[in-house]
Amino acid sequence: MLAELVAKAAREASKRGLKSLPREALDGFRAILAGLDVAIEIPEPNGLELAAELWIRGHRDIMDNMSYAHALKTQAYLMTLDKTFKRFLSEKGYPLDIVITHRELENIAKAS
């Protein structure tokens, strides 16, 4: 999902008229690559199968599909603001209890 993070950061920088990524974004990428507070996860075959199923059923963002499938298979949270993706999952009958927003994550962290 690192490629998607880079693309989103670049898109936001472009929208704001920046000529490069902000220092905070670069520091975040360095931390991810260094493995600081990040566990690198390798997708499981059944997760890839679910990602393909989501594609076949109509959701054409493979990164979303892979993220959701991996979160579901590993019982982790998927943080997203993508209401279209959440609606797609709901309409197709997929569980939504793992799909959260950043605000919900903050509340979960505070409760821990």
PDB file of N, CA and C in Angstrom:
ATOM      1  N   MET A   1       0.803  -1.183   0.000  1.00  0.00           N
ATOM      2  CA  MET A   1       0.000   0.000   0.000  1.00  0.00           C
ATOM      3  C   MET A   1       0.854   1.259   0.000  1.00  0.00           C
ATOM      4  N   LEU A   2       2.167   1.063   0.097  1.00  0.00           N
ATOM      5  CA  LEU A   2       3.075   2.200   0.102  1.00  0.00           C
ATOM      6  C   LEU A   2       2.936   3.025  -1.176  1.00  0.00           C
ATOM      7  N   ALA A   3       2.770   2.362  -2.301  1.00  0.00           N
ATOM      8  CA  ALA A   3       2.615   3.089  -3.568  1.00  0.00           C
ATOM      9  C   ALA A   3       1.388   3.990  -3.527  1.00  0.00           C
ATOM     10  N   GLU A   4       0.318   3.521  -2.944  1.00  0.00           N
ATOM     11  CA  GLU A   4      -0.891   4.339  -2.849  1.00  0.00           C
ATOM     12  C   GLU A   4      -0.671   5.522  -1.903  1.00  0.00           C
ATOM     13  N   LEU A   5       0.058   5.307  -0.818  1.00  0.00           N
ATOM     14  CA  LEU A   5       0.360   6.412   0.094  1.00  0.00           C
ATOM     15  C   LEU A   5       1.180   7.501  -0.599  1.00  0.00           C
ATOM     16  N   VAL A   6       2.169   7.089  -1.383  1.00  0.00           N
ATOM     17  CA  VAL A   6       2.993   8.057  -2.101  1.00  0.00           C
ATOM     18  C   VAL A   6       2.131   8.838  -3.090  1.00  0.00           C
ATOM     19  N   ALA A   7       1.264   8.135  -3.811  1.00  0.00           N
ATOM     20  CA  ALA A   7       0.396   8.804  -4.790  1.00  0.00           C
ATOM     21  C   ALA A   7      -0.539   9.795  -4.106  1.00  0.00           C
ATOM     22  N   LYS A   8      -1.120   9.405  -2.981  1.00  0.00           N
ATOM     23  CA  LYS A   8      -2.032  10.312  -2.277  1.00  0.00           C
ATOM     24  C   LYS A   8      -1.285  11.528  -1.731  1.00  0.00           C
ATOM     25  N   ALA A   9      -0.102  11.305  -1.185  1.00  0.00           N
ATOM     26  CA  ALA A   9       0.687  12.423  -0.666  1.00  0.00           C
ATOM     27  C   ALA A   9       1.069  13.379  -1.795  1.00  0.00           C
ATOM     28  N   ALA A  10       1.467  12.833  -2.933  1.00  0.00           N
ATOM     29  CA  ALA A  10       1.830  13.664  -4.081  1.00  0.00           C
ATOM     30  C   ALA A  10       0.622  14.442  -4.594  1.00  0.00           C
ATOM     31  N   ARG A  11      -0.529  13.799  -4.632  1.00  0.00           N
ATOM     32  CA  ARG A  11      -1.744  14.477  -5.090  1.00  0.00           C
ATOM     33  C   ARG A  11      -2.090  15.644  -4.159  1.00  0.00           C
ATOM     34  N   GLU A  12      -1.994  15.427  -2.849  1.00  0.00           N
ATOM     35  CA  GLU A  12      -2.284  16.494  -1.891  1.00  0.00           C
ATOM     36  C   GLU A  12      -1.268  17.630  -2.007  1.00  0.00           C
ATOM     37  N   ALA A  13      -0.004  17.273  -2.174  1.00  0.00           N
ATOM     38  CA  ALA A  13       1.027  18.309  -2.337  1.00  0.00           C
ATOM     39  C   ALA A  13       0.744  19.138  -3.588  1.00  0.00           C
ATOM     40  N   SER A  14       0.342  18.469  -4.658  1.00  0.00           N
ATOM     41  CA  SER A  14       0.034  19.158  -5.906  1.00  0.00           C
ATOM     42  C   SER A  14      -1.165  20.094  -5.737  1.00  0.00           C
ATOM     43  N   LYS A  15      -2.202  19.619  -5.064  1.00  0.00           N
ATOM     44  CA  LYS A  15      -3.394  20.440  -4.820  1.00  0.00           C
ATOM     45  C   LYS A  15      -3.044  21.709  -4.050  1.00  0.00           C
ATOM     46  N   ARG A  16      -2.056  21.600  -3.182  1.00  0.00           N
ATOM     47  CA  ARG A  16      -1.669  22.739  -2.345  1.00  0.00           C
ATOM     48  C   ARG A  16      -0.587  23.603  -2.967  1.00  0.00           C
ATOM     49  N   GLY A  17      -0.211  23.272  -4.219  1.00  0.00           N
ATOM     50  CA  GLY A  17       0.766  24.074  -4.932  1.00  0.00           C
ATOM     51  C   GLY A  17       2.200  23.875  -4.470  1.00  0.00           C
ATOM     52  N   LEU A  18       2.467  22.776  -3.783  1.00  0.00           N
ATOM     53  CA  LEU A  18       3.827  22.504  -3.313  1.00  0.00           C
ATOM     54  C   LEU A  18       4.666  21.924  -4.444  1.00  0.00           C
ATOM     55  N   LYS A  19       5.964  22.153  -4.388  1.00  0.00           N
ATOM     56  CA  LYS A  19       6.863  21.624  -5.414  1.00  0.00           C
ATOM     57  C   LYS A  19       7.439  20.270  -5.035  1.00  0.00           C
ATOM     58  N   SER A  20       7.259  19.886  -3.775  1.00  0.00           N
ATOM     59  CA  SER A  20       7.722  18.583  -3.304  1.00  0.00           C
ATOM     60  C   SER A  20       6.877  18.174  -2.103  1.00  0.00           C
ATOM     61  N   LEU A  21       7.106  16.978  -1.635  1.00  0.00           N
ATOM     62  CA  LEU A  21       6.368  16.508  -0.459  1.00  0.00           C
ATOM     63  C   LEU A  21       6.844  17.248   0.785  1.00  0.00           C
ATOM     64  N   PRO A  22       5.934  17.515   1.709  1.00  0.00           N
ATOM     65  CA  PRO A  22       6.342  18.160   2.959  1.00  0.00           C
ATOM     66  C   PRO A  22       7.285  17.257   3.759  1.00  0.00           C
ATOM     67  N   ARG A  23       8.099  17.863   4.574  1.00  0.00           N
ATOM     68  CA  ARG A  23       9.065  17.137   5.408  1.00  0.00           C
ATOM     69  C   ARG A  23       8.373  16.051   6.237  1.00  0.00           C
ATOM     70  N   GLU A  24       7.171  16.347   6.783  1.00  0.00           N
ATOM     71  CA  GLU A  24       6.445  15.379   7.611  1.00  0.00           C
ATOM     72  C   GLU A  24       6.097  14.118   6.820  1.00  0.00           C
ATOM     73  N   ALA A  25       5.713  14.287   5.567  1.00  0.00           N
ATOM     74  CA  ALA A  25       5.398  13.132   4.728  1.00  0.00           C
ATOM     75  C   ALA A  25       6.648  12.304   4.472  1.00  0.00           C
ATOM     76  N   LEU A  26       7.740  12.986   4.164  1.00  0.00           N
ATOM     77  CA  LEU A  26       9.002  12.270   3.930  1.00  0.00           C
ATOM     78  C   LEU A  26       9.462  11.542   5.183  1.00  0.00           C
ATOM     79  N   ASP A  27       9.322  12.192   6.331  1.00  0.00           N
ATOM     80  CA  ASP A  27       9.687  11.537   7.592  1.00  0.00           C
ATOM     81  C   ASP A  27       8.815  10.306   7.838  1.00  0.00           C
ATOM     82  N   GLY A  28       7.548  10.420   7.505  1.00  0.00           N
ATOM     83  CA  GLY A  28       6.639   9.278   7.649  1.00  0.00           C
ATOM     84  C   GLY A  28       7.044   8.118   6.762  1.00  0.00           C
ATOM     85  N   PHE A  29       7.399   8.417   5.516  1.00  0.00           N
ATOM     86  CA  PHE A  29       7.843   7.353   4.604  1.00  0.00           C
ATOM     87  C   PHE A  29       9.134   6.708   5.107  1.00  0.00           C
ATOM     88  N   ARG A  30      10.052   7.530   5.619  1.00  0.00           N
ATOM     89  CA  ARG A  30      11.302   6.984   6.169  1.00  0.00           C
ATOM     90  C   ARG A  30      11.009   6.045   7.342  1.00  0.00           C
ATOM     91  N   ALA A  31      10.080   6.449   8.199  1.00  0.00           N
ATOM     92  CA  ALA A  31       9.724   5.617   9.349  1.00  0.00           C
ATOM     93  C   ALA A  31       9.115   4.296   8.905  1.00  0.00           C
ATOM     94  N   ILE A  32       8.246   4.355   7.901  1.00  0.00           N
ATOM     95  CA  ILE A  32       7.642   3.126   7.387  1.00  0.00           C
ATOM     96  C   ILE A  32       8.713   2.211   6.825  1.00  0.00           C
ATOM     97  N   LEU A  33       9.583   2.754   6.003  1.00  0.00           N
ATOM     98  CA  LEU A  33      10.630   1.942   5.372  1.00  0.00           C
ATOM     99  C   LEU A  33      11.627   1.390   6.390  1.00  0.00           C
ATOM    100  N   ALA A  34      11.840   2.129   7.475  1.00  0.00           N
ATOM    101  CA  ALA A  34      12.754   1.666   8.517  1.00  0.00           C
ATOM    102  C   ALA A  34      12.085   0.653   9.448  1.00  0.00           C
ATOM    103  N   GLY A  35      10.769   0.513   9.307  1.00  0.00           N
ATOM    104  CA  GLY A  35      10.048  -0.437  10.148  1.00  0.00           C
ATOM    105  C   GLY A  35       9.742   0.085  11.540  1.00  0.00           C
ATOM    106  N   LEU A  36       9.826   1.406  11.725  1.00  0.00           N
ATOM    107  CA  LEU A  36       9.531   1.994  13.028  1.00  0.00           C
ATOM    108  C   LEU A  36       8.031   1.983  13.288  1.00  0.00           C
ATOM    109  N   ASP A  37       7.632   1.288  14.316  1.00  0.00           N
ATOM    110  CA  ASP A  37       6.216   1.196  14.704  1.00  0.00           C
ATOM    111  C   ASP A  37       5.327   0.678  13.572  1.00  0.00           C
ATOM    112  N   VAL A  38       5.912  -0.053  12.641  1.00  0.00           N
ATOM    113  CA  VAL A  38       5.157  -0.583  11.509  1.00  0.00           C
ATOM    114  C   VAL A  38       5.510  -2.055  11.335  1.00  0.00           C
ATOM    115  N   ALA A  39       4.505  -2.860  11.215  1.00  0.00           N
ATOM    116  CA  ALA A  39       4.734  -4.275  10.919  1.00  0.00           C
ATOM    117  C   ALA A  39       4.395  -4.498   9.450  1.00  0.00           C
ATOM    118  N   ILE A  40       5.360  -4.968   8.681  1.00  0.00           N
ATOM    119  CA  ILE A  40       5.131  -5.249   7.268  1.00  0.00           C
ATOM    120  C   ILE A  40       4.371  -6.568   7.171  1.00  0.00           C
ATOM    121  N   GLU A  41       3.268  -6.546   6.450  1.00  0.00           N
ATOM    122  CA  GLU A  41       2.412  -7.719   6.308  1.00  0.00           C
ATOM    123  C   GLU A  41       2.442  -8.213   4.869  1.00  0.00           C
ATOM    124  N   ILE A  42       2.559  -9.499   4.717  1.00  0.00           N
ATOM    125  CA  ILE A  42       2.506 -10.133   3.394  1.00  0.00           C
ATOM    126  C   ILE A  42       1.097 -10.708   3.219  1.00  0.00           C
ATOM    127  N   PRO A  43       0.437 -10.407   2.093  1.00  0.00           N
ATOM    128  CA  PRO A  43      -0.923 -10.931   1.903  1.00  0.00           C
ATOM    129  C   PRO A  43      -0.938 -12.449   1.840  1.00  0.00           C
ATOM    130  N   GLU A  44      -2.030 -13.003   2.331  1.00  0.00           N
ATOM    131  CA  GLU A  44      -2.236 -14.451   2.277  1.00  0.00           C
ATOM    132  C   GLU A  44      -3.009 -14.785   1.012  1.00  0.00           C
ATOM    133  N   PRO A  45      -2.838 -16.003   0.493  1.00  0.00           N
ATOM    134  CA  PRO A  45      -3.560 -16.375  -0.732  1.00  0.00           C
ATOM    135  C   PRO A  45      -5.070 -16.176  -0.642  1.00  0.00           C
ATOM    136  N   ASN A  46      -5.679 -16.509   0.502  1.00  0.00           N
ATOM    137  CA  ASN A  46      -7.135 -16.330   0.603  1.00  0.00           C
ATOM    138  C   ASN A  46      -7.517 -14.854   0.637  1.00  0.00           C
ATOM    139  N   GLY A  47      -6.609 -13.995   1.116  1.00  0.00           N
ATOM    140  CA  GLY A  47      -6.855 -12.557   1.064  1.00  0.00           C
ATOM    141  C   GLY A  47      -6.804 -12.041  -0.360  1.00  0.00           C
ATOM    142  N   LEU A  48      -5.851 -12.556  -1.132  1.00  0.00           N
ATOM    143  CA  LEU A  48      -5.765 -12.179  -2.548  1.00  0.00           C
ATOM    144  C   LEU A  48      -7.008 -12.653  -3.305  1.00  0.00           C
ATOM    145  N   GLU A  49      -7.490 -13.827  -2.923  1.00  0.00           N
ATOM    146  CA  GLU A  49      -8.714 -14.349  -3.547  1.00  0.00           C
ATOM    147  C   GLU A  49      -9.903 -13.430  -3.257  1.00  0.00           C
ATOM    148  N   LEU A  50     -10.009 -12.952  -2.011  1.00  0.00           N
ATOM    149  CA  LEU A  50     -11.091 -12.030  -1.663  1.00  0.00           C
ATOM    150  C   LEU A  50     -10.936 -10.703  -2.397  1.00  0.00           C
ATOM    151  N   ALA A  51      -9.707 -10.204  -2.515  1.00  0.00           N
ATOM    152  CA  ALA A  51      -9.475  -8.956  -3.247  1.00  0.00           C
ATOM    153  C   ALA A  51      -9.947  -9.092  -4.700  1.00  0.00           C
ATOM    154  N   ALA A  52      -9.634 -10.225  -5.313  1.00  0.00           N
ATOM    155  CA  ALA A  52     -10.084 -10.465  -6.688  1.00  0.00           C
ATOM    156  C   ALA A  52     -11.609 -10.565  -6.753  1.00  0.00           C
ATOM    157  N   GLU A  53     -12.204 -11.189  -5.747  1.00  0.00           N
ATOM    158  CA  GLU A  53     -13.669 -11.301  -5.695  1.00  0.00           C
ATOM    159  C   GLU A  53     -14.313  -9.914  -5.648  1.00  0.00           C
ATOM    160  N   LEU A  54     -13.762  -9.026  -4.843  1.00  0.00           N
ATOM    161  CA  LEU A  54     -14.294  -7.665  -4.754  1.00  0.00           C
ATOM    162  C   LEU A  54     -14.199  -6.957  -6.103  1.00  0.00           C
ATOM    163  N   TRP A  55     -13.098  -7.179  -6.801  1.00  0.00           N
ATOM    164  CA  TRP A  55     -12.923  -6.608  -8.140  1.00  0.00           C
ATOM    165  C   TRP A  55     -13.985  -7.151  -9.096  1.00  0.00           C
ATOM    166  N   ILE A  56     -14.134  -8.446  -9.088  1.00  0.00           N
ATOM    167  CA  ILE A  56     -15.100  -9.100  -9.981  1.00  0.00           C
ATOM    168  C   ILE A  56     -16.517  -8.614  -9.682  1.00  0.00           C
ATOM    169  N   ARG A  57     -16.813  -8.359  -8.418  1.00  0.00           N
ATOM    170  CA  ARG A  57     -18.153  -7.909  -8.028  1.00  0.00           C
ATOM    171  C   ARG A  57     -18.363  -6.415  -8.265  1.00  0.00           C
ATOM    172  N   GLY A  58     -17.314  -5.713  -8.754  1.00  0.00           N
ATOM    173  CA  GLY A  58     -17.541  -4.348  -9.204  1.00  0.00           C
ATOM    174  C   GLY A  58     -16.700  -3.243  -8.611  1.00  0.00           C
ATOM    175  N   HIS A  59     -15.876  -3.507  -7.602  1.00  0.00           N
ATOM    176  CA  HIS A  59     -15.057  -2.427  -7.042  1.00  0.00           C
ATOM    177  C   HIS A  59     -13.694  -2.442  -7.718  1.00  0.00           C
ATOM    178  N   ARG A  60     -13.397  -1.426  -8.490  1.00  0.00           N
ATOM    179  CA  ARG A  60     -12.236  -1.412  -9.380  1.00  0.00           C
ATOM    180  C   ARG A  60     -10.970  -0.772  -8.798  1.00  0.00           C
ATOM    181  N   ASP A  61     -10.883  -0.671  -7.481  1.00  0.00           N
ATOM    182  CA  ASP A  61      -9.650  -0.171  -6.865  1.00  0.00           C
ATOM    183  C   ASP A  61      -8.992  -1.351  -6.149  1.00  0.00           C
ATOM    184  N   ILE A  62      -8.010  -1.954  -6.795  1.00  0.00           N
ATOM    185  CA  ILE A  62      -7.397  -3.168  -6.261  1.00  0.00           C
ATOM    186  C   ILE A  62      -6.692  -2.904  -4.938  1.00  0.00           C
ATOM    187  N   MET A  63      -6.173  -1.691  -4.741  1.00  0.00           N
ATOM    188  CA  MET A  63      -5.517  -1.383  -3.463  1.00  0.00           C
ATOM    189  C   MET A  63      -6.537  -1.396  -2.322  1.00  0.00           C
ATOM    190  N   ASP A  64      -7.699  -0.791  -2.533  1.00  0.00           N
ATOM    191  CA  ASP A  64      -8.772  -0.861  -1.535  1.00  0.00           C
ATOM    192  C   ASP A  64      -9.133  -2.310  -1.267  1.00  0.00           C
ATOM    193  N   ASN A  65      -9.303  -3.067  -2.341  1.00  0.00           N
ATOM    194  CA  ASN A  65      -9.707  -4.465  -2.216  1.00  0.00           C
ATOM    195  C   ASN A  65      -8.695  -5.271  -1.422  1.00  0.00           C
ATOM    196  N   MET A  66      -7.418  -5.079  -1.728  1.00  0.00           N
ATOM    197  CA  MET A  66      -6.375  -5.823  -1.025  1.00  0.00           C
ATOM    198  C   MET A  66      -6.289  -5.392   0.441  1.00  0.00           C
ATOM    199  N   SER A  67      -6.441  -4.106   0.684  1.00  0.00           N
ATOM    200  CA  SER A  67      -6.395  -3.608   2.063  1.00  0.00           C
ATOM    201  C   SER A  67      -7.540  -4.186   2.885  1.00  0.00           C
ATOM    202  N   TYR A  68      -8.736  -4.155   2.315  1.00  0.00           N
ATOM    203  CA  TYR A  68      -9.896  -4.688   3.020  1.00  0.00           C
ATOM    204  C   TYR A  68      -9.731  -6.185   3.261  1.00  0.00           C
ATOM    205  N   ALA A  69      -9.353  -6.913   2.235  1.00  0.00           N
ATOM    206  CA  ALA A  69      -9.210  -8.370   2.359  1.00  0.00           C
ATOM    207  C   ALA A  69      -8.184  -8.717   3.426  1.00  0.00           C
ATOM    208  N   HIS A  70      -7.071  -8.013   3.426  1.00  0.00           N
ATOM    209  CA  HIS A  70      -6.032  -8.312   4.420  1.00  0.00           C
ATOM    210  C   HIS A  70      -6.515  -7.969   5.828  1.00  0.00           C
ATOM    211  N   ALA A  71      -7.172  -6.838   5.980  1.00  0.00           N
ATOM    212  CA  ALA A  71      -7.696  -6.454   7.291  1.00  0.00           C
ATOM    213  C   ALA A  71      -8.706  -7.481   7.784  1.00  0.00           C
ATOM    214  N   LEU A  72      -9.579  -7.915   6.900  1.00  0.00           N
ATOM    215  CA  LEU A  72     -10.591  -8.901   7.274  1.00  0.00           C
ATOM    216  C   LEU A  72      -9.938 -10.219   7.680  1.00  0.00           C
ATOM    217  N   LYS A  73      -8.985 -10.671   6.905  1.00  0.00           N
ATOM    218  CA  LYS A  73      -8.342 -11.964   7.165  1.00  0.00           C
ATOM    219  C   LYS A  73      -7.469 -11.943   8.416  1.00  0.00           C
ATOM    220  N   THR A  74      -6.923 -10.775   8.769  1.00  0.00           N
ATOM    221  CA  THR A  74      -6.038 -10.686   9.933  1.00  0.00           C
ATOM    222  C   THR A  74      -6.740 -10.078  11.147  1.00  0.00           C
ATOM    223  N   GLN A  75      -8.031  -9.784  11.011  1.00  0.00           N
ATOM    224  CA  GLN A  75      -8.835  -9.191  12.075  1.00  0.00           C
ATOM    225  C   GLN A  75      -8.241  -7.862  12.546  1.00  0.00           C
ATOM    226  N   ALA A  76      -7.865  -7.049  11.580  1.00  0.00           N
ATOM    227  CA  ALA A  76      -7.318  -5.719  11.850  1.00  0.00           C
ATOM    228  C   ALA A  76      -8.325  -4.675  11.393  1.00  0.00           C
ATOM    229  N   TYR A  77      -8.055  -3.430  11.710  1.00  0.00           N
ATOM    230  CA  TYR A  77      -8.894  -2.345  11.223  1.00  0.00           C
ATOM    231  C   TYR A  77      -8.389  -1.859   9.873  1.00  0.00           C
ATOM    232  N   LEU A  78      -9.322  -1.410   9.047  1.00  0.00           N
ATOM    233  CA  LEU A  78      -8.997  -0.721   7.798  1.00  0.00           C
ATOM    234  C   LEU A  78      -9.487   0.711   7.956  1.00  0.00           C
ATOM    235  N   MET A  79      -8.554   1.646   7.971  1.00  0.00           N
ATOM    236  CA  MET A  79      -8.915   3.042   8.122  1.00  0.00           C
ATOM    237  C   MET A  79      -9.081   3.661   6.739  1.00  0.00           C
ATOM    238  N   THR A  80     -10.269   4.219   6.498  1.00  0.00           N
ATOM    239  CA  THR A  80     -10.546   4.856   5.212  1.00  0.00           C
ATOM    240  C   THR A  80     -11.633   5.910   5.376  1.00  0.00           C
ATOM    241  N   LEU A  81     -11.603   6.885   4.494  1.00  0.00           N
ATOM    242  CA  LEU A  81     -12.670   7.877   4.416  1.00  0.00           C
ATOM    243  C   LEU A  81     -13.511   7.654   3.160  1.00  0.00           C
ATOM    244  N   ASP A  82     -13.231   6.591   2.439  1.00  0.00           N
ATOM    245  CA  ASP A  82     -13.870   6.306   1.156  1.00  0.00           C
ATOM    246  C   ASP A  82     -15.296   5.779   1.372  1.00  0.00           C
ATOM    247  N   LYS A  83     -16.255   6.690   1.318  1.00  0.00           N
ATOM    248  CA  LYS A  83     -17.657   6.318   1.543  1.00  0.00           C
ATOM    249  C   LYS A  83     -18.196   5.431   0.425  1.00  0.00           C
ATOM    250  N   THR A  84     -17.698   5.622  -0.786  1.00  0.00           N
ATOM    251  CA  THR A  84     -18.141   4.795  -1.914  1.00  0.00           C
ATOM    252  C   THR A  84     -17.741   3.338  -1.694  1.00  0.00           C
ATOM    253  N   PHE A  85     -16.514   3.131  -1.232  1.00  0.00           N
ATOM    254  CA  PHE A  85     -16.046   1.768  -0.967  1.00  0.00           C
ATOM    255  C   PHE A  85     -16.862   1.140   0.166  1.00  0.00           C
ATOM    256  N   LYS A  86     -17.091   1.899   1.218  1.00  0.00           N
ATOM    257  CA  LYS A  86     -17.869   1.393   2.345  1.00  0.00           C
ATOM    258  C   LYS A  86     -19.296   1.041   1.909  1.00  0.00           C
ATOM    259  N   ARG A  87     -19.891   1.879   1.070  1.00  0.00           N
ATOM    260  CA  ARG A  87     -21.237   1.604   0.558  1.00  0.00           C
ATOM    261  C   ARG A  87     -21.236   0.339  -0.296  1.00  0.00           C
ATOM    262  N   PHE A  88     -20.217   0.179  -1.148  1.00  0.00           N
ATOM    263  CA  PHE A  88     -20.084  -1.026  -1.973  1.00  0.00           C
ATOM    264  C   PHE A  88     -20.040  -2.266  -1.086  1.00  0.00           C
ATOM    265  N   LEU A  89     -19.202  -2.231  -0.065  1.00  0.00           N
ATOM    266  CA  LEU A  89     -19.083  -3.388   0.837  1.00  0.00           C
ATOM    267  C   LEU A  89     -20.423  -3.693   1.500  1.00  0.00           C
ATOM    268  N   SER A  90     -21.099  -2.654   1.951  1.00  0.00           N
ATOM    269  CA  SER A  90     -22.401  -2.825   2.598  1.00  0.00           C
ATOM    270  C   SER A  90     -23.426  -3.430   1.645  1.00  0.00           C
ATOM    271  N   GLU A  91     -23.504  -2.874   0.444  1.00  0.00           N
ATOM    272  CA  GLU A  91     -24.477  -3.359  -0.542  1.00  0.00           C
ATOM    273  C   GLU A  91     -24.223  -4.809  -0.943  1.00  0.00           C
ATOM    274  N   LYS A  92     -22.970  -5.225  -0.921  1.00  0.00           N
ATOM    275  CA  LYS A  92     -22.617  -6.594  -1.308  1.00  0.00           C
ATOM    276  C   LYS A  92     -22.608  -7.550  -0.124  1.00  0.00           C
ATOM    277  N   GLY A  93     -22.894  -7.045   1.076  1.00  0.00           N
ATOM    278  CA  GLY A  93     -23.022  -7.896   2.245  1.00  0.00           C
ATOM    279  C   GLY A  93     -21.727  -8.249   2.961  1.00  0.00           C
ATOM    280  N   TYR A  94     -20.692  -7.463   2.747  1.00  0.00           N
ATOM    281  CA  TYR A  94     -19.415  -7.720   3.434  1.00  0.00           C
ATOM    282  C   TYR A  94     -19.432  -7.044   4.804  1.00  0.00           C
ATOM    283  N   PRO A  95     -18.753  -7.631   5.781  1.00  0.00           N
ATOM    284  CA  PRO A  95     -18.724  -7.031   7.121  1.00  0.00           C
ATOM    285  C   PRO A  95     -18.053  -5.663   7.117  1.00  0.00           C
ATOM    286  N   LEU A  96     -18.618  -4.744   7.901  1.00  0.00           N
ATOM    287  CA  LEU A  96     -18.091  -3.374   7.969  1.00  0.00           C
ATOM    288  C   LEU A  96     -17.489  -3.035   9.329  1.00  0.00           C
ATOM    289  N   ASP A  97     -17.525  -3.959  10.272  1.00  0.00           N
ATOM    290  CA  ASP A  97     -17.059  -3.649  11.617  1.00  0.00           C
ATOM    291  C   ASP A  97     -15.566  -3.332  11.683  1.00  0.00           C
ATOM    292  N   ILE A  98     -14.805  -3.725  10.682  1.00  0.00           N
ATOM    293  CA  ILE A  98     -13.364  -3.431  10.665  1.00  0.00           C
ATOM    294  C   ILE A  98     -13.047  -2.150   9.916  1.00  0.00           C
ATOM    295  N   VAL A  99     -14.020  -1.584   9.207  1.00  0.00           N
ATOM    296  CA  VAL A  99     -13.804  -0.379   8.401  1.00  0.00           C
ATOM    297  C   VAL A  99     -14.101   0.831   9.271  1.00  0.00           C
ATOM    298  N   ILE A 100     -13.051   1.630   9.547  1.00  0.00           N
ATOM    299  CA  ILE A 100     -13.196   2.760  10.459  1.00  0.00           C
ATOM    300  C   ILE A 100     -12.587   4.025   9.849  1.00  0.00           C
ATOM    301  N   THR A 101     -12.948   5.149  10.424  1.00  0.00           N
ATOM    302  CA  THR A 101     -12.352   6.419  10.032  1.00  0.00           C
ATOM    303  C   THR A 101     -11.214   6.746  11.005  1.00  0.00           C
ATOM    304  N   HIS A 102     -10.457   7.775  10.688  1.00  0.00           N
ATOM    305  CA  HIS A 102      -9.377   8.189  11.590  1.00  0.00           C
ATOM    306  C   HIS A 102      -9.932   8.652  12.927  1.00  0.00           C
ATOM    307  N   ARG A 103     -11.107   9.247  12.920  1.00  0.00           N
ATOM    308  CA  ARG A 103     -11.732   9.682  14.182  1.00  0.00           C
ATOM    309  C   ARG A 103     -12.097   8.476  15.036  1.00  0.00           C
ATOM    310  N   GLU A 104     -12.643   7.442  14.408  1.00  0.00           N
ATOM    311  CA  GLU A 104     -12.964   6.231  15.155  1.00  0.00           C
ATOM    312  C   GLU A 104     -11.699   5.579  15.713  1.00  0.00           C
ATOM    313  N   LEU A 105     -10.620   5.633  14.951  1.00  0.00           N
ATOM    314  CA  LEU A 105      -9.350   5.098  15.431  1.00  0.00           C
ATOM    315  C   LEU A 105      -8.870   5.878  16.654  1.00  0.00           C
ATOM    316  N   GLU A 106      -9.013   7.189  16.620  1.00  0.00           N
ATOM    317  CA  GLU A 106      -8.634   8.002  17.780  1.00  0.00           C
ATOM    318  C   GLU A 106      -9.427   7.583  19.015  1.00  0.00           C
ATOM    319  N   ASN A 107     -10.727   7.355  18.834  1.00  0.00           N
ATOM    320  CA  ASN A 107     -11.570   6.939  19.961  1.00  0.00           C
ATOM    321  C   ASN A 107     -11.157   5.564  20.485  1.00  0.00           C
ATOM    322  N   ILE A 108     -10.821   4.664  19.570  1.00  0.00           N
ATOM    323  CA  ILE A 108     -10.373   3.324  19.974  1.00  0.00           C
ATOM    324  C   ILE A 108      -9.067   3.434  20.755  1.00  0.00           C
ATOM    325  N   ALA A 109      -8.155   4.276  20.281  1.00  0.00           N
ATOM    326  CA  ALA A 109      -6.867   4.451  20.948  1.00  0.00           C
ATOM    327  C   ALA A 109      -7.043   5.059  22.337  1.00  0.00           C
ATOM    328  N   LYS A 110      -7.957   6.004  22.464  1.00  0.00           N
ATOM    329  CA  LYS A 110      -8.202   6.635  23.761  1.00  0.00           C
ATOM    330  C   LYS A 110      -8.800   5.643  24.761  1.00  0.00           C
ATOM    331  N   ALA A 111      -9.627   4.733  24.244  1.00  0.00           N
ATOM    332  CA  ALA A 111     -10.290   3.754  25.117  1.00  0.00           C
ATOM    333  C   ALA A 111      -9.325   2.660  25.588  1.00  0.00           C
ATOM    334  N   SER A 112      -8.220   2.504  24.880  1.00  0.00           N
ATOM    335  CA  SER A 112      -7.260   1.436  25.230  1.00  0.00           C
ATOM    336  C   SER A 112      -6.408   1.796  26.411  1.00  0.00           C
TER     337      SER A 112
END
